Amino acid sequence: MADETKEIKDEEVVVEKADKKAKKATKNADKEKYDTLYNQFIRLQADFENYKKRNAQLSSQMYNDGINDAISAILPTIDSLDMAINAQKDEEHKKGIELVKKAFIDAIKKFDVEEIEAQGDFNPNLHEAVMSKDDPDNAGKIVQVLRAGYKRGDKVLRHTMCVVGQ
């Protein structure tokens, strides 16, 4: 009987050791699973932040592109008003057309659009030379503006069409 009791106690000790090893193995497996899930969570959180930044940047870019496209569509109307002003002989009609042109210019200025300066040296980033004129005194300089150019911030919406001296 004493041997049986000792064997039972030995078996209980073996079972307890096995239970401890199983619990330790389960605990290690749970820790690994936790670490894996935590790392996935951190990556997902970073990916989401990057997504929000990209989306905000894309939204801003699309908004600016839309404004630029709308203003570019209006610029030919301003050119037509310039031609109408130059062709008009009656001063009253001329003043009326100038007021309409001023209203268009004021509207596009609200979107930070400004006319490109077309005096002085020719700048291929801002000006488009369509003709040259023999003028040794003004070589490399703008002699005449044929069509006004406009820019919004650093973006050129339309280059100034001009005649350059040679």
C-alpha atoms as a PDB file:
ATOM      1  CA  MET A   1       0.000   0.000   0.000  1.00  0.00           C
ATOM      2  CA  ALA A   2       2.829   2.361   0.791  1.00  0.00           C
ATOM      3  CA  ASP A   3       4.286   1.594  -2.624  1.00  0.00           C
ATOM      4  CA  GLU A   4       0.963   2.338  -4.258  1.00  0.00           C
ATOM      5  CA  THR A   5       0.687   5.650  -2.383  1.00  0.00           C
ATOM      6  CA  LYS A   6       4.230   6.540  -3.384  1.00  0.00           C
ATOM      7  CA  GLU A   7       3.493   5.656  -7.005  1.00  0.00           C
ATOM      8  CA  ILE A   8       0.337   7.776  -6.953  1.00  0.00           C
ATOM      9  CA  LYS A   9       2.261  10.700  -5.460  1.00  0.00           C
ATOM     10  CA  ASP A  10       5.016  10.252  -8.048  1.00  0.00           C
ATOM     11  CA  GLU A  11       2.394  10.187 -10.783  1.00  0.00           C
ATOM     12  CA  GLU A  12       0.818  13.349  -9.338  1.00  0.00           C
ATOM     13  CA  VAL A  13       4.219  15.063  -9.359  1.00  0.00           C
ATOM     14  CA  VAL A  14       4.785  13.978 -12.947  1.00  0.00           C
ATOM     15  CA  VAL A  15       1.306  15.213 -13.899  1.00  0.00           C
ATOM     16  CA  GLU A  16       1.914  18.527 -12.100  1.00  0.00           C
ATOM     17  CA  LYS A  17       5.229  18.974 -13.914  1.00  0.00           C
ATOM     18  CA  ALA A  18       3.533  18.147 -17.209  1.00  0.00           C
ATOM     19  CA  ASP A  19       0.740  20.625 -16.405  1.00  0.00           C
ATOM     20  CA  LYS A  20       3.309  23.329 -15.576  1.00  0.00           C
ATOM     21  CA  LYS A  21       5.163  22.645 -18.841  1.00  0.00           C
ATOM     22  CA  ALA A  22       1.861  22.740 -20.775  1.00  0.00           C
ATOM     23  CA  LYS A  23       0.855  26.007 -19.073  1.00  0.00           C
ATOM     24  CA  LYS A  24       4.282  27.494 -19.772  1.00  0.00           C
ATOM     25  CA  ALA A  25       4.071  26.379 -23.425  1.00  0.00           C
ATOM     26  CA  THR A  26       0.547  27.828 -23.682  1.00  0.00           C
ATOM     27  CA  LYS A  27       1.747  31.052 -22.049  1.00  0.00           C
ATOM     28  CA  ASN A  28       4.651  31.289 -24.541  1.00  0.00           C
ATOM     29  CA  ALA A  29       2.293  30.597 -27.457  1.00  0.00           C
ATOM     30  CA  ASP A  30      -0.114  33.261 -26.177  1.00  0.00           C
ATOM     31  CA  LYS A  31       2.762  35.747 -25.811  1.00  0.00           C
ATOM     32  CA  GLU A  32       3.912  35.065 -29.383  1.00  0.00           C
ATOM     33  CA  LYS A  33       0.358  35.444 -30.671  1.00  0.00           C
ATOM     34  CA  TYR A  34      -0.016  38.706 -28.716  1.00  0.00           C
ATOM     35  CA  ASP A  35       3.276  40.053 -30.084  1.00  0.00           C
ATOM     36  CA  THR A  36       2.248  39.136 -33.635  1.00  0.00           C
ATOM     37  CA  LEU A  37      -1.155  40.789 -33.294  1.00  0.00           C
ATOM     38  CA  TYR A  38       0.361  43.868 -31.621  1.00  0.00           C
ATOM     39  CA  ASN A  39       2.881  44.282 -34.466  1.00  0.00           C
ATOM     40  CA  GLN A  40       0.067  43.931 -37.015  1.00  0.00           C
ATOM     41  CA  PHE A  41      -1.915  46.569 -35.123  1.00  0.00           C
ATOM     42  CA  ILE A  42       1.016  49.007 -35.108  1.00  0.00           C
ATOM     43  CA  ARG A  43       1.584  48.485 -38.862  1.00  0.00           C
ATOM     44  CA  LEU A  44      -2.116  48.970 -39.619  1.00  0.00           C
ATOM     45  CA  GLN A  45      -2.190  52.137 -37.564  1.00  0.00           C
ATOM     46  CA  ALA A  46       0.844  53.528 -39.425  1.00  0.00           C
ATOM     47  CA  ASP A  47      -0.652  52.512 -42.779  1.00  0.00           C
ATOM     48  CA  PHE A  48      -3.894  54.296 -41.899  1.00  0.00           C
ATOM     49  CA  GLU A  49      -2.036  57.495 -40.933  1.00  0.00           C
ATOM     50  CA  ASN A  50      -0.137  57.367 -44.233  1.00  0.00           C
ATOM     51  CA  TYR A  51      -3.425  56.808 -46.081  1.00  0.00           C
ATOM     52  CA  LYS A  52      -4.977  59.871 -44.415  1.00  0.00           C
ATOM     53  CA  LYS A  53      -1.964  62.034 -45.323  1.00  0.00           C
ATOM     54  CA  ARG A  54      -1.971  60.812 -48.938  1.00  0.00           C
ATOM     55  CA  ASN A  55      -5.709  61.349 -49.202  1.00  0.00           C
ATOM     56  CA  ALA A  56      -5.488  64.906 -47.825  1.00  0.00           C
ATOM     57  CA  GLN A  57      -2.656  65.715 -50.230  1.00  0.00           C
ATOM     58  CA  LEU A  58      -4.531  64.217 -53.183  1.00  0.00           C
ATOM     59  CA  SER A  59      -7.694  66.106 -52.240  1.00  0.00           C
ATOM     60  CA  SER A  60      -5.804  69.396 -52.077  1.00  0.00           C
ATOM     61  CA  GLN A  61      -4.099  68.701 -55.404  1.00  0.00           C
ATOM     62  CA  MET A  62      -7.410  67.837 -57.086  1.00  0.00           C
ATOM     63  CA  TYR A  63      -8.998  71.025 -55.712  1.00  0.00           C
ATOM     64  CA  ASN A  64      -6.137  73.150 -57.065  1.00  0.00           C
ATOM     65  CA  ASP A  65      -6.239  71.368 -60.426  1.00  0.00           C
ATOM     66  CA  GLY A  66      -9.973  72.034 -60.653  1.00  0.00           C
ATOM     67  CA  ILE A  67      -9.485  75.744 -59.968  1.00  0.00           C
ATOM     68  CA  ASN A  68      -6.649  75.914 -62.491  1.00  0.00           C
ATOM     69  CA  ASP A  69      -8.765  74.206 -65.158  1.00  0.00           C
ATOM     70  CA  ALA A  70     -11.745  76.504 -64.525  1.00  0.00           C
ATOM     71  CA  ILE A  71      -9.602  79.625 -64.703  1.00  0.00           C
ATOM     72  CA  SER A  72      -7.846  78.391 -67.846  1.00  0.00           C
ATOM     73  CA  ALA A  73     -11.287  78.032 -69.437  1.00  0.00           C
ATOM     74  CA  ILE A  74     -12.105  81.662 -68.553  1.00  0.00           C
ATOM     75  CA  LEU A  75      -8.888  83.178 -69.948  1.00  0.00           C
ATOM     76  CA  PRO A  76     -10.028  83.089 -73.624  1.00  0.00           C
ATOM     77  CA  THR A  77     -13.062  85.137 -72.601  1.00  0.00           C
ATOM     78  CA  ILE A  78     -10.760  87.777 -71.144  1.00  0.00           C
ATOM     79  CA  ASP A  79      -8.808  87.755 -74.434  1.00  0.00           C
ATOM     80  CA  SER A  80     -12.043  88.273 -76.347  1.00  0.00           C
ATOM     81  CA  LEU A  81     -12.897  91.216 -74.110  1.00  0.00           C
ATOM     82  CA  ASP A  82      -9.446  92.714 -74.825  1.00  0.00           C
ATOM     83  CA  MET A  83     -10.085  92.405 -78.560  1.00  0.00           C
ATOM     84  CA  ALA A  84     -13.532  93.964 -78.153  1.00  0.00           C
ATOM     85  CA  ILE A  85     -12.023  96.885 -76.218  1.00  0.00           C
ATOM     86  CA  ASN A  86      -9.394  97.474 -78.923  1.00  0.00           C
ATOM     87  CA  ALA A  87     -11.991  97.279 -81.727  1.00  0.00           C
ATOM     88  CA  GLN A  88     -14.498  99.574 -80.028  1.00  0.00           C
ATOM     89  CA  LYS A  89     -14.696 103.142 -81.293  1.00  0.00           C
ATOM     90  CA  ASP A  90     -17.458 104.375 -79.000  1.00  0.00           C
ATOM     91  CA  GLU A  91     -15.976 105.372 -75.616  1.00  0.00           C
ATOM     92  CA  GLU A  92     -19.135 104.502 -73.680  1.00  0.00           C
ATOM     93  CA  HIS A  93     -19.195 100.958 -75.069  1.00  0.00           C
ATOM     94  CA  LYS A  94     -15.472 100.678 -74.476  1.00  0.00           C
ATOM     95  CA  LYS A  95     -15.907 101.619 -70.786  1.00  0.00           C
ATOM     96  CA  GLY A  96     -18.702  99.049 -70.443  1.00  0.00           C
ATOM     97  CA  ILE A  97     -16.552  96.272 -71.871  1.00  0.00           C
ATOM     98  CA  GLU A  98     -13.643  97.342 -69.655  1.00  0.00           C
ATOM     99  CA  LEU A  99     -15.916  97.039 -66.607  1.00  0.00           C
ATOM    100  CA  VAL A 100     -16.887  93.500 -67.632  1.00  0.00           C
ATOM    101  CA  LYS A 101     -13.205  92.627 -68.118  1.00  0.00           C
ATOM    102  CA  LYS A 102     -12.376  94.125 -64.712  1.00  0.00           C
ATOM    103  CA  ALA A 103     -15.086  91.955 -63.133  1.00  0.00           C
ATOM    104  CA  PHE A 104     -13.507  88.835 -64.682  1.00  0.00           C
ATOM    105  CA  ILE A 105     -10.036  89.904 -63.518  1.00  0.00           C
ATOM    106  CA  ASP A 106     -11.324  90.590 -59.990  1.00  0.00           C
ATOM    107  CA  ALA A 107     -13.019  87.174 -59.921  1.00  0.00           C
ATOM    108  CA  ILE A 108      -9.869  85.291 -60.861  1.00  0.00           C
ATOM    109  CA  LYS A 109      -7.749  87.374 -58.451  1.00  0.00           C
ATOM    110  CA  LYS A 110      -9.826  85.892 -55.620  1.00  0.00           C
ATOM    111  CA  PHE A 111      -8.114  82.600 -56.486  1.00  0.00           C
ATOM    112  CA  ASP A 112      -4.624  84.180 -56.339  1.00  0.00           C
ATOM    113  CA  VAL A 113      -4.322  84.424 -60.109  1.00  0.00           C
ATOM    114  CA  GLU A 114      -2.109  87.190 -61.336  1.00  0.00           C
ATOM    115  CA  GLU A 115      -1.035  88.419 -64.716  1.00  0.00           C
ATOM    116  CA  ILE A 116       2.557  87.587 -65.628  1.00  0.00           C
ATOM    117  CA  GLU A 117       4.793  90.636 -65.922  1.00  0.00           C
ATOM    118  CA  ALA A 118       5.763  91.024 -69.557  1.00  0.00           C
ATOM    119  CA  GLN A 119       8.378  93.737 -69.411  1.00  0.00           C
ATOM    120  CA  GLY A 120      12.116  93.429 -69.468  1.00  0.00           C
ATOM    121  CA  ASP A 121      14.050  90.248 -70.189  1.00  0.00           C
ATOM    122  CA  PHE A 122      12.493  87.256 -71.887  1.00  0.00           C
ATOM    123  CA  ASN A 123      11.984  84.286 -69.539  1.00  0.00           C
ATOM    124  CA  PRO A 124      11.126  81.002 -71.313  1.00  0.00           C
ATOM    125  CA  ASN A 125       9.489  79.716 -68.123  1.00  0.00           C
ATOM    126  CA  LEU A 126       6.948  82.547 -68.202  1.00  0.00           C
ATOM    127  CA  HIS A 127       6.885  83.801 -71.781  1.00  0.00           C
ATOM    128  CA  GLU A 128       6.275  82.276 -75.186  1.00  0.00           C
ATOM    129  CA  ALA A 129       8.121  83.971 -78.045  1.00  0.00           C
ATOM    130  CA  VAL A 130       6.120  83.690 -81.252  1.00  0.00           C
ATOM    131  CA  MET A 131       8.075  86.234 -83.296  1.00  0.00           C
ATOM    132  CA  SER A 132      11.302  88.146 -83.198  1.00  0.00           C
ATOM    133  CA  LYS A 133      11.940  91.680 -84.274  1.00  0.00           C
ATOM    134  CA  ASP A 134      15.201  93.330 -85.297  1.00  0.00           C
ATOM    135  CA  ASP A 135      15.842  95.714 -82.436  1.00  0.00           C
ATOM    136  CA  PRO A 136      19.500  95.828 -81.315  1.00  0.00           C
ATOM    137  CA  ASP A 137      18.646  98.075 -78.356  1.00  0.00           C
ATOM    138  CA  ASN A 138      16.219  95.483 -76.945  1.00  0.00           C
ATOM    139  CA  ALA A 139      18.023  92.243 -77.799  1.00  0.00           C
ATOM    140  CA  GLY A 140      16.659  89.416 -75.622  1.00  0.00           C
ATOM    141  CA  LYS A 141      13.922  91.659 -74.250  1.00  0.00           C
ATOM    142  CA  ILE A 142      10.182  91.644 -74.762  1.00  0.00           C
ATOM    143  CA  VAL A 143       9.215  94.222 -77.367  1.00  0.00           C
ATOM    144  CA  GLN A 144       5.466  93.581 -77.652  1.00  0.00           C
ATOM    145  CA  VAL A 145       2.861  91.494 -75.814  1.00  0.00           C
ATOM    146  CA  LEU A 146       0.402  89.693 -78.070  1.00  0.00           C
ATOM    147  CA  ARG A 147      -1.551  87.832 -75.367  1.00  0.00           C
ATOM    148  CA  ALA A 148      -1.366  88.199 -71.606  1.00  0.00           C
ATOM    149  CA  GLY A 149      -0.147  85.294 -69.511  1.00  0.00           C
ATOM    150  CA  TYR A 150      -1.409  84.284 -66.092  1.00  0.00           C
ATOM    151  CA  LYS A 151      -0.091  82.268 -63.173  1.00  0.00           C
ATOM    152  CA  ARG A 152      -1.493  80.978 -59.917  1.00  0.00           C
ATOM    153  CA  GLY A 153       1.161  80.731 -57.254  1.00  0.00           C
ATOM    154  CA  ASP A 154       4.155  79.105 -58.934  1.00  0.00           C
ATOM    155  CA  LYS A 155       2.056  77.366 -61.596  1.00  0.00           C
ATOM    156  CA  VAL A 156       1.855  79.034 -64.990  1.00  0.00           C
ATOM    157  CA  LEU A 157      -1.697  78.725 -66.292  1.00  0.00           C
ATOM    158  CA  ARG A 158      -0.853  80.313 -69.625  1.00  0.00           C
ATOM    159  CA  HIS A 159       2.428  81.737 -70.904  1.00  0.00           C
ATOM    160  CA  THR A 160       2.585  85.322 -72.112  1.00  0.00           C
ATOM    161  CA  MET A 161       2.678  85.353 -75.904  1.00  0.00           C
ATOM    162  CA  CYS A 162       5.174  87.993 -76.961  1.00  0.00           C
ATOM    163  CA  VAL A 163       7.556  89.400 -79.574  1.00  0.00           C
ATOM    164  CA  VAL A 164      11.223  89.387 -78.596  1.00  0.00           C
ATOM    165  CA  GLY A 165      13.892  91.769 -79.860  1.00  0.00           C
ATOM    166  CA  GLN A 166      17.047  90.513 -81.588  1.00  0.00           C
END
